[in-house]
Amino acid sequence: MNMRAEQSRITIDLPKSSHRKLKAMAAILGKSMREIIIESIDEHLYKQPSPNKKTLKAIKDTEKRKGLVEAQSVNDLFKKLGI
């Protein structure tokens, strides 16, 4: 397959200072600005953050319906949670 047919083009406007920093970073890393931008996009699109232990416990407790707070409204919920 033709590689160009599988790609899209995007144009972005950057502040000149950001462009200079990106260009300098590319030179230091021995990469093109394109490579750095694609790596950054990939990191944000495909990175799956791992929940910490506290969050995992909260998820498990919720699945078991443990520690749930029932409220009549958002304001009631905030009041019950003390926020």
C-alpha atoms as a PDB file:
ATOM      1  CA  MET A   1       0.000   0.000   0.000  1.00  0.00           C
ATOM      2  CA  ASN A   2       1.061   3.554  -0.650  1.00  0.00           C
ATOM      3  CA  MET A   3       2.193   5.108   2.667  1.00  0.00           C
ATOM      4  CA  ARG A   4       0.995   8.574   1.620  1.00  0.00           C
ATOM      5  CA  ALA A   5      -2.558   7.293   1.092  1.00  0.00           C
ATOM      6  CA  GLU A   6      -2.682   6.253   4.761  1.00  0.00           C
ATOM      7  CA  GLN A   7      -1.680   9.655   6.145  1.00  0.00           C
ATOM      8  CA  SER A   8      -3.386  12.969   6.751  1.00  0.00           C
ATOM      9  CA  ARG A   9      -1.840  16.402   6.846  1.00  0.00           C
ATOM     10  CA  ILE A  10      -2.343  18.848   9.687  1.00  0.00           C
ATOM     11  CA  THR A  11      -1.186  22.448  10.027  1.00  0.00           C
ATOM     12  CA  ILE A  12      -0.725  24.114  13.405  1.00  0.00           C
ATOM     13  CA  ASP A  13       0.289  27.598  14.432  1.00  0.00           C
ATOM     14  CA  LEU A  14       2.825  27.859  17.245  1.00  0.00           C
ATOM     15  CA  PRO A  15       4.206  30.853  19.053  1.00  0.00           C
ATOM     16  CA  LYS A  16       7.650  31.630  17.659  1.00  0.00           C
ATOM     17  CA  SER A  17       9.253  30.852  21.021  1.00  0.00           C
ATOM     18  CA  SER A  18       7.682  27.362  21.068  1.00  0.00           C
ATOM     19  CA  HIS A  19       8.806  26.742  17.491  1.00  0.00           C
ATOM     20  CA  ARG A  20      12.389  27.709  18.405  1.00  0.00           C
ATOM     21  CA  LYS A  21      12.328  25.417  21.458  1.00  0.00           C
ATOM     22  CA  LEU A  22      10.933  22.537  19.399  1.00  0.00           C
ATOM     23  CA  LYS A  23      13.569  23.072  16.719  1.00  0.00           C
ATOM     24  CA  ALA A  24      16.350  23.168  19.328  1.00  0.00           C
ATOM     25  CA  MET A  25      15.021  20.044  21.056  1.00  0.00           C
ATOM     26  CA  ALA A  26      14.913  18.229  17.731  1.00  0.00           C
ATOM     27  CA  ALA A  27      18.532  19.171  17.027  1.00  0.00           C
ATOM     28  CA  ILE A  28      19.672  18.074  20.481  1.00  0.00           C
ATOM     29  CA  LEU A  29      17.843  14.741  20.206  1.00  0.00           C
ATOM     30  CA  GLY A  30      18.907  14.176  16.606  1.00  0.00           C
ATOM     31  CA  LYS A  31      15.283  13.919  15.500  1.00  0.00           C
ATOM     32  CA  SER A  32      13.046  15.888  13.219  1.00  0.00           C
ATOM     33  CA  MET A  33      10.399  18.198  14.628  1.00  0.00           C
ATOM     34  CA  ARG A  34       7.859  15.923  12.944  1.00  0.00           C
ATOM     35  CA  GLU A  35       9.161  12.896  14.878  1.00  0.00           C
ATOM     36  CA  ILE A  36       8.919  14.737  18.204  1.00  0.00           C
ATOM     37  CA  ILE A  37       5.383  15.918  17.481  1.00  0.00           C
ATOM     38  CA  ILE A  38       4.225  12.452  16.391  1.00  0.00           C
ATOM     39  CA  GLU A  39       5.791  10.867  19.503  1.00  0.00           C
ATOM     40  CA  SER A  40       4.015  13.406  21.689  1.00  0.00           C
ATOM     41  CA  ILE A  41       0.674  12.801  19.993  1.00  0.00           C
ATOM     42  CA  ASP A  42       1.111   9.031  20.261  1.00  0.00           C
ATOM     43  CA  GLU A  43       1.968   9.338  23.952  1.00  0.00           C
ATOM     44  CA  HIS A  44      -1.237  11.261  24.630  1.00  0.00           C
ATOM     45  CA  LEU A  45      -3.489   9.154  22.405  1.00  0.00           C
ATOM     46  CA  TYR A  46      -2.310   5.697  23.366  1.00  0.00           C
ATOM     47  CA  LYS A  47      -0.972   6.033  26.880  1.00  0.00           C
ATOM     48  CA  GLN A  48      -3.224   4.225  29.331  1.00  0.00           C
ATOM     49  CA  PRO A  49      -2.583   5.556  32.816  1.00  0.00           C
ATOM     50  CA  SER A  50      -2.597   2.912  35.521  1.00  0.00           C
ATOM     51  CA  PRO A  51      -4.802   3.640  38.521  1.00  0.00           C
ATOM     52  CA  ASN A  52      -3.046   3.735  41.891  1.00  0.00           C
ATOM     53  CA  LYS A  53      -3.912   1.344  44.732  1.00  0.00           C
ATOM     54  CA  LYS A  54      -6.413   3.735  46.322  1.00  0.00           C
ATOM     55  CA  THR A  55      -8.283   4.149  43.038  1.00  0.00           C
ATOM     56  CA  LEU A  56      -8.280   0.382  42.382  1.00  0.00           C
ATOM     57  CA  LYS A  57      -9.730  -0.209  45.849  1.00  0.00           C
ATOM     58  CA  ALA A  58     -12.421   2.428  45.248  1.00  0.00           C
ATOM     59  CA  ILE A  59     -13.351   0.766  41.948  1.00  0.00           C
ATOM     60  CA  LYS A  60     -13.594  -2.673  43.590  1.00  0.00           C
ATOM     61  CA  ASP A  61     -15.637  -1.277  46.498  1.00  0.00           C
ATOM     62  CA  THR A  62     -17.996   0.440  44.070  1.00  0.00           C
ATOM     63  CA  GLU A  63     -18.444  -2.771  42.083  1.00  0.00           C
ATOM     64  CA  LYS A  64     -19.379  -4.481  45.361  1.00  0.00           C
ATOM     65  CA  ARG A  65     -21.706  -1.531  46.118  1.00  0.00           C
ATOM     66  CA  LYS A  66     -19.673  -0.890  49.271  1.00  0.00           C
ATOM     67  CA  GLY A  67     -19.450   2.630  50.679  1.00  0.00           C
ATOM     68  CA  LEU A  68     -21.868   4.191  48.208  1.00  0.00           C
ATOM     69  CA  VAL A  69     -23.664   7.402  49.175  1.00  0.00           C
ATOM     70  CA  GLU A  70     -27.232   7.922  48.000  1.00  0.00           C
ATOM     71  CA  ALA A  71     -28.301  11.496  47.399  1.00  0.00           C
ATOM     72  CA  GLN A  72     -31.363  13.291  46.104  1.00  0.00           C
ATOM     73  CA  SER A  73     -29.436  15.984  44.259  1.00  0.00           C
ATOM     74  CA  VAL A  74     -25.932  17.242  43.580  1.00  0.00           C
ATOM     75  CA  ASN A  75     -26.178  19.661  46.490  1.00  0.00           C
ATOM     76  CA  ASP A  76     -27.377  16.830  48.760  1.00  0.00           C
ATOM     77  CA  LEU A  77     -24.436  14.681  47.623  1.00  0.00           C
ATOM     78  CA  PHE A  78     -21.914  17.460  48.288  1.00  0.00           C
ATOM     79  CA  LYS A  79     -23.426  18.005  51.737  1.00  0.00           C
ATOM     80  CA  LYS A  80     -23.242  14.289  52.569  1.00  0.00           C
ATOM     81  CA  LEU A  81     -19.630  14.115  51.341  1.00  0.00           C
ATOM     82  CA  GLY A  82     -18.686  17.254  53.223  1.00  0.00           C
ATOM     83  CA  ILE A  83     -17.618  19.251  50.192  1.00  0.00           C
END
